[in-house]
């Protein structure tokens, strides 16, 4: 059975009968995988018929392949997504400046929302049917020794509750 989804990705099937497995039948743990290479930003595309650059298509394919190899299952419900983008501290900096930057937040280009968008779009049809299922999502950009992207994907837990919230009222509860 063919399902229509956005971004031109084909959903993969989790079960042998060709149907997408229910989330309750899937592993209930998070899976982490790493892409080595400088994080890339999703470009701003203008117009209805704009084409993605080949390097962006290649990065999406690489991320999809890593997710599949790591065993990330396709889910139909909410999926949490946690991404850490590591940017190598330039070797041209002095040892003192390199030490200062190591582990600090990376607050220059590329924009965090654009690098996250590339990851979210790459996982459509692999971790979820549509990127609106990625909730909650967290990301950060950090200076480090090497360029890499560390991605953790898993089933979203219970809905977030506000402090003091005992959940929905139950009939007959005192």
N, C-alpha and C. Protein backbone atom coordinates (compact mmCIF):
# COMPACT_ATOMS: atom_id res chain seq x y z
N UNK A 1 0.84 -1.17 0.00
CA UNK A 1 0.00 0.00 0.00
C UNK A 1 0.89 1.24 0.00
N UNK A 2 0.70 2.13 -0.93
CA UNK A 2 1.51 3.34 -1.06
C UNK A 2 0.86 4.48 -0.30
N UNK A 3 1.64 5.16 0.51
CA UNK A 3 1.13 6.29 1.27
C UNK A 3 1.77 7.56 0.71
N UNK A 4 0.99 8.62 0.60
CA UNK A 4 1.50 9.89 0.11
C UNK A 4 2.01 10.71 1.28
N UNK A 5 3.26 11.17 1.21
CA UNK A 5 3.82 12.01 2.25
C UNK A 5 4.57 13.16 1.61
N UNK A 6 4.89 14.17 2.40
CA UNK A 6 5.56 15.35 1.88
C UNK A 6 7.04 15.10 1.62
N UNK A 7 7.69 16.01 0.97
CA UNK A 7 9.12 16.03 0.71
C UNK A 7 9.59 14.93 -0.25
N UNK A 8 8.68 14.25 -0.90
CA UNK A 8 9.07 13.27 -1.90
C UNK A 8 9.68 12.00 -1.36
N UNK A 9 9.65 11.78 -0.05
CA UNK A 9 10.23 10.57 0.53
C UNK A 9 9.16 9.48 0.57
N UNK A 10 9.56 8.28 0.37
CA UNK A 10 8.67 7.12 0.45
C UNK A 10 8.77 6.53 1.85
N UNK A 11 7.64 6.31 2.54
CA UNK A 11 7.74 5.68 3.85
C UNK A 11 8.16 4.23 3.70
N UNK A 12 8.98 3.76 4.61
CA UNK A 12 9.34 2.35 4.56
C UNK A 12 8.41 1.58 5.47
N UNK A 13 8.28 0.33 5.22
CA UNK A 13 7.38 -0.51 5.99
C UNK A 13 8.15 -1.18 7.11
N UNK A 14 7.55 -1.26 8.30
CA UNK A 14 8.19 -1.92 9.43
C UNK A 14 7.81 -3.39 9.54
N UNK A 15 6.70 -3.76 9.00
CA UNK A 15 6.24 -5.13 9.18
C UNK A 15 6.29 -5.90 7.87
N UNK A 16 6.31 -7.19 7.97
CA UNK A 16 6.46 -8.04 6.79
C UNK A 16 5.22 -8.05 5.91
N UNK A 17 4.06 -7.68 6.45
CA UNK A 17 2.84 -7.70 5.64
C UNK A 17 2.65 -6.42 4.83
N UNK A 18 3.63 -5.50 4.88
CA UNK A 18 3.56 -4.29 4.06
C UNK A 18 2.88 -3.12 4.73
N UNK A 19 2.33 -3.31 5.91
CA UNK A 19 1.68 -2.21 6.62
C UNK A 19 2.68 -1.54 7.55
N UNK A 20 2.43 -0.29 7.84
CA UNK A 20 3.26 0.42 8.80
C UNK A 20 2.86 -0.07 10.19
N UNK A 21 3.85 -0.50 10.98
CA UNK A 21 3.59 -1.06 12.30
C UNK A 21 3.05 0.01 13.24
N UNK A 22 2.23 -0.42 14.20
CA UNK A 22 1.74 0.49 15.24
C UNK A 22 2.90 0.81 16.17
N UNK A 23 2.89 2.03 16.70
CA UNK A 23 3.98 2.44 17.57
C UNK A 23 4.14 1.53 18.78
N UNK A 24 3.05 0.97 19.30
CA UNK A 24 3.12 0.08 20.46
C UNK A 24 3.89 -1.20 20.16
N UNK A 25 3.98 -1.56 18.88
CA UNK A 25 4.70 -2.78 18.47
C UNK A 25 6.17 -2.51 18.20
N UNK A 26 6.60 -1.26 18.31
CA UNK A 26 7.97 -0.88 18.00
C UNK A 26 8.80 -0.76 19.27
N UNK A 27 10.13 -0.78 19.14
CA UNK A 27 10.97 -0.59 20.33
C UNK A 27 10.63 0.73 21.02
N UNK A 28 10.61 0.72 22.34
CA UNK A 28 10.24 1.92 23.09
C UNK A 28 11.45 2.64 23.66
N UNK A 29 12.59 2.51 23.01
CA UNK A 29 13.80 3.19 23.46
C UNK A 29 14.29 4.14 22.36
N UNK A 30 15.12 5.07 22.78
CA UNK A 30 15.68 6.03 21.84
C UNK A 30 16.87 5.42 21.12
N UNK A 31 17.12 5.89 19.92
CA UNK A 31 18.26 5.44 19.11
C UNK A 31 19.07 6.68 18.74
N UNK A 32 20.38 6.59 18.94
CA UNK A 32 21.28 7.70 18.63
C UNK A 32 22.21 7.29 17.51
N UNK A 33 22.42 8.18 16.56
CA UNK A 33 23.39 7.94 15.49
C UNK A 33 24.10 9.26 15.17
N UNK A 34 25.26 9.15 14.54
CA UNK A 34 26.12 10.31 14.30
C UNK A 34 26.51 10.42 12.84
N UNK A 35 26.42 11.62 12.31
CA UNK A 35 26.91 11.90 10.96
C UNK A 35 28.19 12.72 11.12
N UNK A 36 29.29 12.24 10.56
CA UNK A 36 30.54 12.96 10.59
C UNK A 36 30.61 13.92 9.41
N UNK A 37 30.91 15.16 9.66
CA UNK A 37 30.95 16.19 8.63
C UNK A 37 30.32 17.47 9.16
N UNK A 38 30.67 18.57 8.55
CA UNK A 38 30.18 19.87 9.01
C UNK A 38 28.67 19.95 8.84
N UNK A 39 27.93 20.35 9.89
CA UNK A 39 26.48 20.52 9.75
C UNK A 39 26.15 21.53 8.66
N UNK A 40 25.10 21.24 7.92
CA UNK A 40 24.69 22.09 6.80
C UNK A 40 23.31 22.66 7.08
N UNK A 41 23.09 23.87 6.58
CA UNK A 41 21.78 24.53 6.72
C UNK A 41 20.91 24.20 5.51
N UNK A 42 19.63 24.05 5.77
CA UNK A 42 18.65 23.90 4.70
C UNK A 42 18.53 25.26 4.03
N UNK A 43 18.63 25.32 2.71
CA UNK A 43 18.57 26.62 2.04
C UNK A 43 17.15 27.18 2.02
N UNK A 44 17.06 28.48 1.93
CA UNK A 44 15.77 29.14 1.72
C UNK A 44 15.46 29.03 0.24
N UNK A 45 14.41 28.33 -0.08
CA UNK A 45 14.05 28.13 -1.48
C UNK A 45 12.89 29.04 -1.84
N UNK A 46 13.06 29.80 -2.88
CA UNK A 46 12.00 30.69 -3.33
C UNK A 46 11.25 30.07 -4.49
N UNK A 47 9.98 30.25 -4.46
CA UNK A 47 9.17 29.78 -5.59
C UNK A 47 8.72 28.34 -5.46
N UNK A 48 7.69 28.05 -6.19
CA UNK A 48 7.05 26.73 -6.14
C UNK A 48 7.91 25.65 -6.78
N UNK A 49 8.69 26.01 -7.79
CA UNK A 49 9.46 25.01 -8.53
C UNK A 49 10.96 25.07 -8.23
N UNK A 50 11.32 25.62 -7.09
CA UNK A 50 12.74 25.70 -6.72
C UNK A 50 13.30 24.29 -6.50
N UNK A 51 14.55 24.09 -6.87
CA UNK A 51 15.18 22.78 -6.75
C UNK A 51 16.22 22.81 -5.63
N UNK A 52 16.29 21.69 -4.91
CA UNK A 52 17.30 21.58 -3.86
C UNK A 52 18.67 21.39 -4.48
N UNK A 53 19.69 22.04 -3.93
CA UNK A 53 21.06 21.80 -4.41
C UNK A 53 21.45 20.34 -4.18
N UNK A 54 22.32 19.82 -5.05
CA UNK A 54 22.75 18.42 -4.96
C UNK A 54 23.41 18.09 -3.62
N UNK A 55 24.19 19.03 -3.06
CA UNK A 55 24.85 18.74 -1.78
C UNK A 55 23.83 18.57 -0.66
N UNK A 56 22.70 19.26 -0.73
CA UNK A 56 21.64 19.10 0.27
C UNK A 56 20.96 17.75 0.09
N UNK A 57 20.69 17.39 -1.17
CA UNK A 57 20.11 16.07 -1.44
C UNK A 57 21.02 14.96 -0.94
N UNK A 58 22.33 15.14 -1.16
CA UNK A 58 23.30 14.14 -0.70
C UNK A 58 23.33 14.02 0.81
N UNK A 59 23.26 15.16 1.51
CA UNK A 59 23.27 15.12 2.98
C UNK A 59 22.00 14.45 3.51
N UNK A 60 20.86 14.78 2.91
CA UNK A 60 19.61 14.12 3.32
C UNK A 60 19.71 12.61 3.15
N UNK A 61 20.22 12.19 2.01
CA UNK A 61 20.36 10.75 1.74
C UNK A 61 21.31 10.10 2.76
N UNK A 62 22.39 10.78 3.10
CA UNK A 62 23.34 10.25 4.07
C UNK A 62 22.68 10.10 5.44
N UNK A 63 21.91 11.11 5.87
CA UNK A 63 21.23 11.04 7.16
C UNK A 63 20.19 9.93 7.18
N UNK A 64 19.44 9.80 6.08
CA UNK A 64 18.46 8.70 5.99
C UNK A 64 19.14 7.35 6.10
N UNK A 65 20.24 7.19 5.38
CA UNK A 65 20.97 5.92 5.41
C UNK A 65 21.49 5.60 6.80
N UNK A 66 22.03 6.59 7.50
CA UNK A 66 22.51 6.37 8.86
C UNK A 66 21.38 5.99 9.80
N UNK A 67 20.23 6.65 9.66
CA UNK A 67 19.08 6.33 10.51
C UNK A 67 18.60 4.90 10.26
N UNK A 68 18.52 4.50 9.00
CA UNK A 68 18.11 3.14 8.67
C UNK A 68 19.11 2.12 9.21
N UNK A 69 20.39 2.40 9.03
CA UNK A 69 21.45 1.50 9.51
C UNK A 69 21.40 1.37 11.04
N UNK A 70 21.05 2.46 11.73
CA UNK A 70 20.97 2.44 13.19
C UNK A 70 19.72 1.72 13.69
N UNK A 71 18.77 1.45 12.79
CA UNK A 71 17.55 0.74 13.18
C UNK A 71 16.43 1.64 13.65
N UNK A 72 16.44 2.91 13.23
CA UNK A 72 15.37 3.83 13.61
C UNK A 72 14.08 3.36 12.94
N UNK A 73 13.03 3.07 13.73
CA UNK A 73 11.78 2.60 13.13
C UNK A 73 10.89 3.76 12.68
N UNK A 74 10.10 3.52 11.66
CA UNK A 74 9.12 4.49 11.18
C UNK A 74 7.95 4.50 12.16
N UNK A 75 7.60 5.66 12.67
CA UNK A 75 6.53 5.78 13.66
C UNK A 75 5.39 6.62 13.11
N UNK A 76 4.18 6.30 13.56
CA UNK A 76 3.01 7.05 13.13
C UNK A 76 2.58 8.08 14.16
N UNK A 77 3.08 7.98 15.39
CA UNK A 77 2.73 8.93 16.46
C UNK A 77 3.83 9.95 16.68
N UNK A 78 3.74 10.61 17.83
CA UNK A 78 4.71 11.65 18.17
C UNK A 78 6.10 11.05 18.39
N UNK A 79 7.11 11.75 17.93
CA UNK A 79 8.50 11.31 18.00
C UNK A 79 9.32 12.44 18.61
N UNK A 80 10.15 12.10 19.61
CA UNK A 80 11.04 13.16 20.10
C UNK A 80 12.31 13.14 19.27
N UNK A 81 12.87 14.32 19.07
CA UNK A 81 14.06 14.48 18.26
C UNK A 81 15.01 15.40 19.02
N UNK A 82 16.21 14.93 19.27
CA UNK A 82 17.23 15.72 19.95
C UNK A 82 18.46 15.71 19.07
N UNK A 83 18.96 16.90 18.71
CA UNK A 83 20.07 17.00 17.78
C UNK A 83 21.14 17.93 18.36
N UNK A 84 22.38 17.46 18.34
CA UNK A 84 23.52 18.31 18.72
C UNK A 84 24.40 18.47 17.50
N UNK A 85 24.60 19.72 17.10
CA UNK A 85 25.45 20.05 15.96
C UNK A 85 26.80 20.50 16.51
N UNK A 86 27.85 19.77 16.19
CA UNK A 86 29.21 20.09 16.63
C UNK A 86 29.96 20.74 15.49
N UNK A 87 30.60 21.88 15.77
CA UNK A 87 31.39 22.59 14.79
C UNK A 87 32.84 22.62 15.27
N UNK A 88 33.77 22.19 14.42
CA UNK A 88 35.18 22.15 14.79
C UNK A 88 35.71 23.56 15.01
N UNK A 89 36.41 23.74 16.12
CA UNK A 89 37.07 25.01 16.40
C UNK A 89 38.18 25.17 15.36
N UNK A 90 38.27 26.33 14.69
CA UNK A 90 39.30 26.51 13.66
C UNK A 90 40.71 26.31 14.22
N UNK A 91 41.49 25.56 13.48
CA UNK A 91 42.87 25.29 13.90
C UNK A 91 43.74 26.54 13.85
N UNK A 92 43.29 27.56 13.13
CA UNK A 92 44.06 28.80 13.01
C UNK A 92 44.03 29.63 14.29
N UNK A 93 43.12 29.32 15.21
CA UNK A 93 43.05 30.08 16.46
C UNK A 93 44.18 29.68 17.39
N UNK A 94 44.55 30.59 18.27
CA UNK A 94 45.59 30.28 19.26
C UNK A 94 45.07 29.20 20.20
N UNK A 95 45.98 28.55 20.88
CA UNK A 95 45.61 27.49 21.82
C UNK A 95 44.67 28.03 22.89
N UNK A 96 44.90 29.25 23.33
CA UNK A 96 44.06 29.86 24.36
C UNK A 96 42.63 30.07 23.84
N UNK A 97 42.51 30.63 22.63
CA UNK A 97 41.19 30.87 22.05
C UNK A 97 40.46 29.56 21.73
N UNK A 98 41.23 28.56 21.27
CA UNK A 98 40.64 27.23 21.00
C UNK A 98 40.06 26.66 22.29
N UNK A 99 40.81 26.76 23.38
CA UNK A 99 40.37 26.24 24.68
C UNK A 99 39.12 26.98 25.16
N UNK A 100 39.05 28.28 24.92
CA UNK A 100 37.88 29.07 25.33
C UNK A 100 36.63 28.64 24.57
N UNK A 101 36.78 28.33 23.30
CA UNK A 101 35.61 27.96 22.48
C UNK A 101 35.16 26.52 22.70
N UNK A 102 36.07 25.63 23.04
CA UNK A 102 35.75 24.21 23.16
C UNK A 102 34.57 24.00 24.13
N UNK A 103 33.49 23.42 23.63
CA UNK A 103 32.30 23.14 24.43
C UNK A 103 31.35 24.32 24.59
N UNK A 104 31.73 25.49 24.11
CA UNK A 104 30.86 26.67 24.20
C UNK A 104 29.80 26.62 23.10
N UNK A 105 28.73 27.36 23.29
CA UNK A 105 27.69 27.43 22.28
C UNK A 105 28.22 28.12 21.03
N UNK A 106 27.86 27.58 19.88
CA UNK A 106 28.25 28.10 18.57
C UNK A 106 27.15 29.08 18.16
N UNK A 107 27.42 30.38 18.20
CA UNK A 107 26.35 31.37 17.98
C UNK A 107 26.58 32.19 16.72
N UNK A 108 27.22 31.60 15.72
CA UNK A 108 27.39 32.25 14.43
C UNK A 108 26.74 31.38 13.37
N UNK A 109 26.77 31.84 12.12
CA UNK A 109 26.17 31.05 11.03
C UNK A 109 26.78 29.66 10.97
N UNK A 110 26.03 28.67 10.53
CA UNK A 110 24.66 28.71 10.03
C UNK A 110 23.64 28.80 11.17
N UNK A 111 22.48 29.31 10.82
CA UNK A 111 21.39 29.47 11.77
C UNK A 111 20.91 28.12 12.27
N UNK A 112 20.68 28.00 13.59
CA UNK A 112 20.27 26.73 14.20
C UNK A 112 18.98 26.15 13.63
N UNK A 113 18.00 27.00 13.35
CA UNK A 113 16.73 26.48 12.84
C UNK A 113 16.90 25.90 11.44
N UNK A 114 17.83 26.44 10.67
CA UNK A 114 18.04 25.94 9.31
C UNK A 114 18.81 24.62 9.29
N UNK A 115 19.77 24.43 10.20
CA UNK A 115 20.45 23.13 10.25
C UNK A 115 19.51 22.07 10.79
N UNK A 116 18.65 22.46 11.73
CA UNK A 116 17.66 21.51 12.26
C UNK A 116 16.66 21.11 11.18
N UNK A 117 16.23 22.06 10.36
CA UNK A 117 15.26 21.77 9.29
C UNK A 117 15.78 20.70 8.34
N UNK A 118 17.08 20.74 8.04
CA UNK A 118 17.65 19.72 7.15
C UNK A 118 17.51 18.33 7.77
N UNK A 119 17.78 18.21 9.06
CA UNK A 119 17.66 16.92 9.75
C UNK A 119 16.20 16.48 9.80
N UNK A 120 15.31 17.39 10.17
CA UNK A 120 13.88 17.06 10.24
C UNK A 120 13.38 16.54 8.89
N UNK A 121 13.72 17.24 7.82
CA UNK A 121 13.27 16.83 6.49
C UNK A 121 13.89 15.50 6.07
N UNK A 122 15.14 15.26 6.44
CA UNK A 122 15.81 14.02 6.05
C UNK A 122 15.16 12.80 6.68
N UNK A 123 14.56 12.95 7.86
CA UNK A 123 13.99 11.81 8.57
C UNK A 123 12.54 11.51 8.20
N UNK A 124 11.95 12.33 7.31
CA UNK A 124 10.60 12.05 6.83
C UNK A 124 10.63 10.75 6.03
N UNK A 125 9.73 9.85 6.34
CA UNK A 125 9.68 8.56 5.65
C UNK A 125 10.62 7.53 6.24
N UNK A 126 11.42 7.94 7.25
CA UNK A 126 12.35 7.02 7.92
C UNK A 126 11.98 6.89 9.39
N UNK A 127 11.89 8.03 10.11
CA UNK A 127 11.55 8.02 11.53
C UNK A 127 10.09 8.39 11.77
N UNK A 128 9.52 9.16 10.85
CA UNK A 128 8.13 9.59 10.97
C UNK A 128 7.57 9.82 9.57
N UNK A 129 6.25 9.86 9.48
CA UNK A 129 5.59 10.06 8.20
C UNK A 129 5.64 11.52 7.76
N UNK A 130 5.61 12.43 8.74
CA UNK A 130 5.63 13.85 8.46
C UNK A 130 6.41 14.53 9.57
N UNK A 131 7.17 15.57 9.24
CA UNK A 131 8.01 16.19 10.27
C UNK A 131 7.21 16.92 11.35
N UNK A 132 5.90 17.09 11.16
CA UNK A 132 5.11 17.68 12.25
C UNK A 132 4.93 16.69 13.40
N UNK A 133 5.28 15.41 13.22
CA UNK A 133 5.24 14.43 14.30
C UNK A 133 6.41 14.60 15.27
N UNK A 134 7.44 15.31 14.86
CA UNK A 134 8.60 15.53 15.72
C UNK A 134 8.23 16.53 16.79
N UNK A 135 7.91 16.03 17.97
CA UNK A 135 7.49 16.85 19.08
C UNK A 135 7.59 16.04 20.36
N UNK A 136 8.46 16.40 21.28
CA UNK A 136 9.26 17.60 21.36
C UNK A 136 10.53 17.52 20.52
N UNK A 137 11.07 18.69 20.20
CA UNK A 137 12.32 18.80 19.44
C UNK A 137 13.27 19.69 20.22
N UNK A 138 14.52 19.25 20.35
CA UNK A 138 15.52 20.11 20.97
C UNK A 138 16.79 20.03 20.13
N UNK A 139 17.52 21.15 20.09
CA UNK A 139 18.77 21.17 19.34
C UNK A 139 19.70 22.20 19.95
N UNK A 140 20.97 22.02 19.65
CA UNK A 140 21.99 22.96 20.09
C UNK A 140 23.15 22.91 19.13
N UNK A 141 23.89 24.03 19.04
CA UNK A 141 25.11 24.11 18.23
C UNK A 141 26.26 24.35 19.20
N UNK A 142 27.31 23.53 19.11
CA UNK A 142 28.41 23.59 20.07
C UNK A 142 29.74 23.52 19.33
N UNK A 143 30.74 24.23 19.86
CA UNK A 143 32.10 24.13 19.35
C UNK A 143 32.73 22.86 19.91
N UNK A 144 33.50 22.14 19.08
CA UNK A 144 34.16 20.92 19.52
C UNK A 144 35.40 20.63 18.70
N UNK A 145 35.92 19.41 18.83
CA UNK A 145 37.12 18.99 18.09
C UNK A 145 36.84 18.68 16.62
N UNK A 146 35.65 18.11 16.35
CA UNK A 146 35.33 17.69 14.99
C UNK A 146 33.94 18.15 14.60
N UNK A 147 33.73 18.26 13.29
CA UNK A 147 32.40 18.56 12.76
C UNK A 147 31.59 17.28 12.77
N UNK A 148 30.40 17.33 13.38
CA UNK A 148 29.52 16.17 13.38
C UNK A 148 28.13 16.57 13.83
N UNK A 149 27.18 15.70 13.55
CA UNK A 149 25.80 15.89 13.98
C UNK A 149 25.39 14.62 14.71
N UNK A 150 24.97 14.77 15.96
CA UNK A 150 24.53 13.63 16.79
C UNK A 150 23.02 13.74 16.93
N UNK A 151 22.32 12.69 16.46
CA UNK A 151 20.85 12.70 16.40
C UNK A 151 20.31 11.58 17.27
N UNK A 152 19.35 11.92 18.13
CA UNK A 152 18.65 10.93 18.94
C UNK A 152 17.18 11.01 18.61
N UNK A 153 16.58 9.86 18.29
CA UNK A 153 15.17 9.77 17.91
C UNK A 153 14.52 8.68 18.76
N UNK A 154 13.32 8.94 19.21
CA UNK A 154 12.61 7.93 19.99
C UNK A 154 11.14 8.27 20.10
N UNK A 155 10.38 7.38 20.71
CA UNK A 155 8.96 7.65 20.87
C UNK A 155 8.77 8.76 21.89
N UNK A 156 7.86 9.68 21.62
CA UNK A 156 7.58 10.74 22.58
C UNK A 156 6.83 10.12 23.75
N UNK A 157 7.14 10.59 24.94
CA UNK A 157 6.49 10.08 26.15
C UNK A 157 5.12 10.68 26.33
N UNK A 158 4.68 10.65 27.58
CA UNK A 158 3.39 11.24 27.93
C UNK A 158 3.39 12.72 27.59
N UNK A 159 2.23 13.27 27.32
CA UNK A 159 2.18 14.72 27.09
C UNK A 159 2.74 15.46 28.30
N UNK A 160 3.33 16.60 28.04
CA UNK A 160 3.90 17.39 29.12
C UNK A 160 2.79 17.90 30.02
N UNK A 161 3.04 17.87 31.31
CA UNK A 161 2.06 18.34 32.27
C UNK A 161 2.58 19.59 32.94
N UNK A 162 1.67 20.47 33.31
CA UNK A 162 2.08 21.67 34.03
C UNK A 162 2.22 21.31 35.50
N UNK A 163 3.12 22.00 36.23
CA UNK A 163 3.30 21.70 37.66
C UNK A 163 1.98 21.78 38.40
N UNK A 164 1.72 20.80 39.24
CA UNK A 164 0.49 20.76 40.01
C UNK A 164 -0.67 20.13 39.26
N UNK A 165 -0.46 19.76 38.02
CA UNK A 165 -1.52 19.14 37.22
C UNK A 165 -1.58 17.67 37.56
N UNK A 166 -2.70 17.22 38.07
CA UNK A 166 -2.88 15.81 38.41
C UNK A 166 -3.51 15.03 37.29
N UNK A 167 -3.55 15.61 36.12
CA UNK A 167 -4.13 14.93 34.97
C UNK A 167 -5.62 15.21 34.88
N UNK A 168 -6.29 14.52 33.96
CA UNK A 168 -7.72 14.76 33.77
C UNK A 168 -8.53 14.31 34.99
N UNK A 169 -9.60 15.04 35.27
CA UNK A 169 -10.48 14.67 36.37
C UNK A 169 -11.17 13.35 36.04
N UNK A 170 -11.32 12.52 37.03
CA UNK A 170 -11.98 11.23 36.82
C UNK A 170 -13.36 11.25 37.45
N UNK A 171 -14.28 10.63 36.78
CA UNK A 171 -15.64 10.55 37.31
C UNK A 171 -15.61 9.76 38.61
N UNK A 172 -16.26 10.27 39.61
CA UNK A 172 -16.34 9.56 40.90
C UNK A 172 -15.15 9.77 41.79
N UNK A 173 -14.14 10.55 41.34
CA UNK A 173 -12.96 10.79 42.19
C UNK A 173 -13.31 11.81 43.25
N UNK A 174 -12.80 11.63 44.45
CA UNK A 174 -13.11 12.56 45.52
C UNK A 174 -12.02 13.55 45.72
